[in-house]
N, C-alpha and C. Protein backbone atom coordinates (compact mmCIF):
# COMPACT_ATOMS: atom_id res chain seq x y z
N MET A 1 -32.65 -56.46 -58.56
CA MET A 1 -32.73 -55.74 -57.42
C MET A 1 -32.76 -56.14 -55.99
N ARG A 2 -32.57 -57.51 -56.07
CA ARG A 2 -32.82 -58.09 -54.59
C ARG A 2 -31.31 -57.74 -54.09
N PRO A 3 -30.33 -57.71 -54.58
CA PRO A 3 -28.80 -57.58 -53.88
C PRO A 3 -28.87 -56.12 -53.14
N VAL A 4 -29.56 -55.17 -53.83
CA VAL A 4 -29.52 -53.95 -53.46
C VAL A 4 -30.48 -53.90 -52.31
N ASP A 5 -31.69 -54.39 -52.45
CA ASP A 5 -32.31 -54.60 -51.15
C ASP A 5 -31.92 -55.26 -49.92
N ARG A 6 -31.03 -56.18 -50.13
CA ARG A 6 -30.38 -56.77 -49.20
C ARG A 6 -29.43 -56.00 -48.44
N ARG A 7 -28.67 -55.32 -49.39
CA ARG A 7 -27.68 -54.40 -48.72
C ARG A 7 -28.32 -53.13 -47.80
N VAL A 8 -29.52 -52.60 -48.59
CA VAL A 8 -30.26 -51.41 -47.63
C VAL A 8 -30.74 -52.04 -46.41
N ARG A 9 -31.27 -53.49 -46.49
CA ARG A 9 -31.82 -53.85 -45.34
C ARG A 9 -30.53 -54.17 -44.18
N ASN A 10 -29.49 -54.67 -44.48
CA ASN A 10 -28.28 -54.76 -43.83
C ASN A 10 -27.88 -53.35 -43.03
N TYR A 11 -27.99 -52.35 -43.97
CA TYR A 11 -27.39 -51.22 -43.35
C TYR A 11 -28.31 -50.58 -42.57
N TYR A 12 -29.70 -50.35 -42.97
CA TYR A 12 -30.75 -49.72 -42.39
C TYR A 12 -31.96 -50.39 -41.66
N GLY A 13 -32.08 -51.57 -41.98
CA GLY A 13 -33.18 -52.34 -41.37
C GLY A 13 -32.94 -52.79 -39.80
N PRO A 14 -33.99 -53.65 -39.22
CA PRO A 14 -33.93 -53.88 -37.93
C PRO A 14 -32.70 -54.86 -37.71
N THR A 15 -32.40 -55.61 -38.82
CA THR A 15 -31.30 -56.44 -38.55
C THR A 15 -29.92 -55.92 -38.97
N ALA A 16 -29.79 -54.49 -39.05
CA ALA A 16 -28.60 -53.88 -39.15
C ALA A 16 -27.83 -53.85 -37.75
N ARG A 17 -26.57 -53.85 -38.26
CA ARG A 17 -25.56 -53.66 -37.14
C ARG A 17 -25.80 -52.36 -36.31
N ARG A 18 -25.29 -52.58 -35.04
CA ARG A 18 -25.30 -51.33 -34.16
C ARG A 18 -23.97 -50.82 -34.46
N VAL A 19 -23.99 -49.37 -34.47
CA VAL A 19 -22.88 -48.74 -35.00
C VAL A 19 -22.82 -47.51 -33.90
N ALA A 20 -21.72 -47.41 -33.29
CA ALA A 20 -21.40 -46.20 -32.39
C ALA A 20 -20.86 -45.12 -33.21
N VAL A 21 -21.60 -43.92 -33.18
CA VAL A 21 -20.85 -42.81 -34.02
C VAL A 21 -20.22 -41.85 -32.89
N ARG A 22 -18.83 -41.71 -33.31
CA ARG A 22 -18.09 -40.87 -32.49
C ARG A 22 -17.44 -39.86 -33.41
N SER A 23 -17.25 -38.54 -32.96
CA SER A 23 -16.40 -37.64 -33.65
C SER A 23 -15.24 -37.59 -33.15
N GLN A 24 -14.25 -38.11 -33.86
CA GLN A 24 -12.86 -38.09 -33.34
C GLN A 24 -12.13 -37.12 -34.33
N ARG A 25 -11.40 -36.34 -33.54
CA ARG A 25 -10.84 -35.17 -34.27
C ARG A 25 -9.25 -35.63 -34.61
N PRO A 26 -8.81 -35.08 -35.66
CA PRO A 26 -7.36 -35.65 -35.81
C PRO A 26 -6.26 -34.96 -34.98
N TRP A 27 -5.46 -35.79 -34.92
CA TRP A 27 -4.40 -35.63 -33.88
C TRP A 27 -3.74 -34.33 -33.97
N TYR A 28 -3.51 -33.63 -35.31
CA TYR A 28 -3.10 -32.31 -35.13
C TYR A 28 -3.95 -31.11 -34.70
N PHE A 29 -5.30 -31.56 -34.68
CA PHE A 29 -6.18 -30.70 -33.99
C PHE A 29 -6.03 -30.81 -32.37
N GLN A 30 -6.03 -31.83 -32.08
CA GLN A 30 -5.71 -31.88 -30.75
C GLN A 30 -4.41 -31.34 -30.22
N ALA A 31 -3.41 -31.53 -30.94
CA ALA A 31 -2.10 -30.96 -30.46
C ALA A 31 -2.29 -29.45 -30.71
N LEU A 32 -2.78 -29.00 -31.57
CA LEU A 32 -3.22 -27.61 -31.89
C LEU A 32 -3.83 -27.00 -30.36
N VAL A 33 -4.77 -27.81 -29.96
CA VAL A 33 -5.78 -27.26 -28.94
C VAL A 33 -4.77 -27.42 -27.56
N ALA A 34 -3.99 -28.50 -27.34
CA ALA A 34 -3.09 -28.65 -26.35
C ALA A 34 -2.23 -27.60 -26.45
N ALA A 35 -1.33 -27.11 -27.40
CA ALA A 35 -0.50 -26.05 -27.61
C ALA A 35 -1.07 -24.70 -27.18
N VAL A 36 -2.46 -24.35 -27.84
CA VAL A 36 -3.04 -23.20 -27.37
C VAL A 36 -3.39 -23.18 -25.93
N PHE A 37 -3.77 -24.42 -25.22
CA PHE A 37 -3.93 -24.15 -23.69
C PHE A 37 -2.45 -24.06 -22.95
N MET A 38 -1.56 -24.66 -23.33
CA MET A 38 -0.17 -24.68 -22.78
C MET A 38 0.18 -23.13 -22.91
N ALA A 39 0.07 -22.47 -24.01
CA ALA A 39 0.25 -20.97 -24.43
C ALA A 39 -0.53 -20.04 -23.31
N ILE A 40 -1.62 -20.41 -23.10
CA ILE A 40 -2.70 -19.61 -22.29
C ILE A 40 -2.06 -19.96 -20.87
N GLY A 41 -1.42 -21.19 -20.61
CA GLY A 41 -1.04 -21.51 -19.29
C GLY A 41 0.15 -20.43 -18.97
N PHE A 42 1.16 -20.69 -19.93
CA PHE A 42 2.43 -19.86 -19.83
C PHE A 42 2.01 -18.54 -19.42
N ALA A 43 1.22 -17.96 -20.38
CA ALA A 43 1.15 -16.41 -20.36
C ALA A 43 0.45 -16.15 -19.06
N ILE A 44 -0.44 -16.96 -18.48
CA ILE A 44 -0.98 -16.39 -16.98
C ILE A 44 -0.02 -16.75 -15.98
N ALA A 45 1.02 -17.66 -16.08
CA ALA A 45 2.33 -17.79 -15.39
C ALA A 45 3.06 -16.82 -15.38
N TYR A 46 3.53 -16.32 -16.48
CA TYR A 46 4.34 -14.85 -16.66
C TYR A 46 3.59 -13.90 -16.15
N TRP A 47 2.51 -13.58 -16.36
CA TRP A 47 1.78 -12.38 -15.70
C TRP A 47 1.78 -12.43 -14.31
N ILE A 48 1.57 -13.63 -13.66
CA ILE A 48 1.40 -13.66 -12.19
C ILE A 48 2.98 -13.34 -11.69
N LEU A 49 3.91 -14.07 -12.47
CA LEU A 49 5.35 -13.60 -11.97
C LEU A 49 5.58 -12.51 -12.20
N HIS A 50 5.60 -11.79 -13.22
CA HIS A 50 5.92 -10.38 -13.54
C HIS A 50 5.12 -9.47 -12.60
N ASP A 51 3.66 -9.81 -12.05
CA ASP A 51 2.99 -8.93 -11.35
C ASP A 51 3.76 -9.12 -9.81
N ALA A 52 4.31 -10.17 -9.64
CA ALA A 52 4.85 -10.46 -8.24
C ALA A 52 6.32 -9.77 -8.35
N VAL A 53 6.84 -9.55 -9.21
CA VAL A 53 8.26 -8.99 -9.34
C VAL A 53 7.91 -7.58 -9.21
N ASN A 54 7.01 -7.10 -9.75
CA ASN A 54 6.51 -5.35 -9.55
C ASN A 54 6.20 -5.11 -8.17
N MET A 55 5.33 -6.12 -7.72
CA MET A 55 4.97 -6.05 -6.31
C MET A 55 6.02 -6.07 -5.34
N ARG A 56 7.00 -6.79 -5.71
CA ARG A 56 8.37 -6.90 -4.66
C ARG A 56 9.13 -5.40 -4.84
N GLU A 57 9.07 -5.14 -6.14
CA GLU A 57 9.89 -3.79 -6.38
C GLU A 57 9.03 -2.77 -5.74
N ASN A 58 7.87 -2.69 -5.75
CA ASN A 58 6.99 -1.50 -5.07
C ASN A 58 7.24 -1.66 -3.62
N LEU A 59 7.14 -2.88 -3.06
CA LEU A 59 7.54 -3.09 -1.68
C LEU A 59 8.71 -2.64 -1.24
N HIS A 60 9.75 -2.80 -1.98
CA HIS A 60 11.22 -2.35 -1.75
C HIS A 60 10.92 -0.80 -1.81
N GLU A 61 10.50 -0.13 -2.69
CA GLU A 61 10.51 1.34 -2.54
C GLU A 61 9.82 1.77 -1.55
N ALA A 62 8.71 1.07 -1.13
CA ALA A 62 7.50 1.60 0.02
C ALA A 62 8.70 1.49 1.23
N THR A 63 9.57 0.57 1.53
CA THR A 63 10.29 0.42 2.79
C THR A 63 11.13 1.45 2.76
N LEU A 64 11.98 1.56 1.65
CA LEU A 64 12.95 3.00 1.60
C LEU A 64 12.24 4.22 2.00
N GLU A 65 11.14 4.52 1.25
CA GLU A 65 10.40 5.63 1.46
C GLU A 65 10.20 5.57 3.13
N ASN A 66 9.79 4.71 3.71
CA ASN A 66 9.28 4.48 4.81
C ASN A 66 10.42 4.96 5.93
N ARG A 67 11.58 4.22 5.65
CA ARG A 67 12.74 4.63 6.31
C ARG A 67 13.01 6.12 6.34
N ASP A 68 12.83 6.56 5.33
CA ASP A 68 13.19 8.19 4.87
C ASP A 68 12.30 8.87 5.89
N LEU A 69 11.00 8.41 5.78
CA LEU A 69 10.16 9.39 6.56
C LEU A 69 10.36 9.17 8.13
N GLU A 70 10.64 8.05 8.47
CA GLU A 70 10.93 7.73 9.97
C GLU A 70 12.26 8.43 10.52
N VAL A 71 13.21 8.54 9.47
CA VAL A 71 14.24 9.39 9.77
C VAL A 71 13.82 10.98 9.92
N LYS A 72 12.94 11.53 9.07
CA LYS A 72 12.41 12.60 8.87
C LYS A 72 11.58 13.02 10.32
N LEU A 73 10.87 11.89 10.85
CA LEU A 73 10.01 12.11 11.90
C LEU A 73 10.92 12.12 12.99
N VAL A 74 11.86 11.38 13.38
CA VAL A 74 12.75 11.46 14.17
C VAL A 74 13.36 12.72 14.43
N GLY A 75 13.88 13.54 13.38
CA GLY A 75 14.38 14.82 13.43
C GLY A 75 13.26 15.72 13.73
N ALA A 76 12.14 15.34 13.21
CA ALA A 76 11.18 16.52 13.55
C ALA A 76 10.85 16.36 15.20
N GLN A 77 10.69 15.15 15.64
CA GLN A 77 10.47 15.00 17.09
C GLN A 77 11.63 15.86 17.84
N ARG A 78 12.77 15.49 17.69
CA ARG A 78 14.13 16.07 18.18
C ARG A 78 13.80 17.70 18.40
N GLU A 79 13.40 18.18 16.94
CA GLU A 79 13.33 19.53 16.97
C GLU A 79 12.21 19.98 17.77
N LEU A 80 11.01 19.39 18.04
CA LEU A 80 9.84 19.68 18.72
C LEU A 80 10.38 19.71 20.25
N GLN A 81 11.32 18.55 20.71
CA GLN A 81 11.88 18.63 22.11
C GLN A 81 12.48 19.77 22.30
N VAL A 82 13.60 20.22 21.63
CA VAL A 82 14.33 21.52 21.84
C VAL A 82 13.53 22.42 21.79
N GLU A 83 12.43 22.74 20.98
CA GLU A 83 11.39 23.94 21.00
C GLU A 83 10.80 23.86 22.41
N LEU A 84 10.38 22.98 22.84
CA LEU A 84 9.41 22.59 24.23
C LEU A 84 10.40 23.13 25.22
N ALA A 85 11.58 22.42 25.34
CA ALA A 85 12.50 22.95 26.24
C ALA A 85 12.76 24.31 26.12
N THR A 86 13.15 24.94 25.06
CA THR A 86 13.34 26.40 25.21
C THR A 86 12.02 26.99 25.51
N ASN A 87 10.77 26.85 25.14
CA ASN A 87 9.71 27.45 25.49
C ASN A 87 9.69 27.26 27.28
N ASN A 88 9.64 26.22 27.76
CA ASN A 88 9.86 25.96 29.23
C ASN A 88 11.09 27.14 29.83
N ASN A 89 12.18 27.03 29.08
CA ASN A 89 13.16 27.91 29.84
C ASN A 89 12.81 29.46 29.88
N LEU A 90 12.20 29.66 28.40
CA LEU A 90 11.66 31.00 28.42
C LEU A 90 10.61 31.51 29.35
N ALA A 91 9.68 30.36 29.54
CA ALA A 91 8.44 30.72 30.47
C ALA A 91 9.13 30.88 31.85
N LYS A 92 10.19 30.11 32.36
CA LYS A 92 10.71 30.37 33.73
C LYS A 92 11.33 31.66 33.73
N GLN A 93 12.21 32.12 32.56
CA GLN A 93 12.68 33.34 32.76
C GLN A 93 11.72 34.44 32.79
N LEU A 94 10.69 34.29 32.06
CA LEU A 94 9.85 35.33 31.78
C LEU A 94 9.18 35.57 33.26
N SER A 95 8.77 34.43 33.96
CA SER A 95 8.24 34.75 35.17
C SER A 95 9.07 35.19 36.20
N THR A 96 10.48 34.87 36.14
CA THR A 96 11.64 35.36 37.06
C THR A 96 11.47 36.83 36.70
N VAL A 97 11.72 37.14 35.46
CA VAL A 97 11.69 38.79 35.08
C VAL A 97 10.60 39.76 35.40
N GLN A 98 9.16 38.93 35.45
CA GLN A 98 8.29 39.40 36.00
C GLN A 98 8.11 39.80 37.38
N ASP A 99 8.74 38.67 38.12
CA ASP A 99 8.75 38.94 39.54
C ASP A 99 9.74 40.04 40.03
N GLU A 100 10.86 40.11 39.12
CA GLU A 100 11.58 41.26 39.38
C GLU A 100 11.07 42.70 39.18
N ASN A 101 10.35 42.46 38.21
CA ASN A 101 9.63 43.84 37.71
C ASN A 101 8.75 44.09 38.74
N THR A 102 8.05 43.29 39.06
CA THR A 102 6.99 43.53 40.27
C THR A 102 7.74 44.10 41.57
N LYS A 103 8.81 43.36 41.87
CA LYS A 103 9.68 43.83 43.32
C LYS A 103 10.17 45.28 42.90
N ILE A 104 10.64 45.55 41.58
CA ILE A 104 11.40 46.98 41.43
C ILE A 104 10.13 47.80 41.59
N LYS A 105 9.17 47.66 40.93
CA LYS A 105 7.89 48.69 41.05
C LYS A 105 7.48 48.97 42.56
N GLN A 106 7.50 47.62 43.42
CA GLN A 106 7.11 48.02 44.86
C GLN A 106 8.19 48.85 45.47
N ASP A 107 9.55 48.57 45.15
CA ASP A 107 10.59 49.39 45.56
C ASP A 107 10.52 51.10 45.35
N LEU A 108 10.24 51.00 43.97
CA LEU A 108 9.98 52.53 43.49
C LEU A 108 8.72 52.96 44.01
N LEU A 109 7.56 52.48 44.28
CA LEU A 109 6.78 53.08 44.87
C LEU A 109 6.99 53.42 46.26
N PHE A 110 7.98 52.53 47.11
CA PHE A 110 8.05 52.65 48.41
C PHE A 110 8.95 54.10 48.49
N TYR A 111 10.07 54.14 47.70
CA TYR A 111 10.52 55.29 47.61
C TYR A 111 10.06 56.60 47.41
N LYS A 112 9.00 56.46 46.41
CA LYS A 112 8.29 57.67 46.01
C LYS A 112 7.60 58.03 47.19
N ASN A 113 7.06 57.17 48.02
CA ASN A 113 6.20 57.51 49.19
C ASN A 113 7.15 58.06 50.25
N MET A 114 8.34 57.62 50.29
CA MET A 114 9.39 58.28 51.14
C MET A 114 9.68 59.74 51.03
N LEU A 115 9.90 59.92 49.42
CA LEU A 115 10.25 61.34 49.09
C LEU A 115 9.15 62.14 49.08
N ASP A 116 7.69 61.61 48.95
CA ASP A 116 6.70 62.73 49.14
C ASP A 116 6.67 62.92 50.58
N LYS A 117 6.92 61.84 51.80
CA LYS A 117 6.70 62.51 53.03
C LYS A 117 7.73 63.31 53.40
N LYS A 118 8.93 63.43 52.86
CA LYS A 118 10.03 64.07 53.19
C LYS A 118 10.10 65.65 52.69
N LEU A 119 9.12 65.80 51.55
CA LEU A 119 8.82 66.88 50.73
C LEU A 119 7.61 67.42 51.72
N ARG A 120 6.82 67.07 52.16
CA ARG A 120 5.88 67.65 52.81
C ARG A 120 6.15 68.14 54.29
């Protein structure tokens, strides 16, 4: 019984060797974890790059749409300028015609008065 006692004291007693317990994972588990993290990193990089490509395409489409809208805006502004010029010309012609109409009415009134004086 003594040899067993000595063995137990060597392993568990106060004179037992100090042992550090470390949980070391096997190399294939560490490789698997590294591969998973690399796959996650590649997936994130792909997602970011794919998103950047989509953003670039959206920017290009928006730029083309912006150019089309600018062309339409310039056309609408030219139309407005033509309409304003036409309105101004019509306003001038209307004032001229109104002045002529007033003058003709005055002449007509003058001739009516002359006829009324001759008929009396």
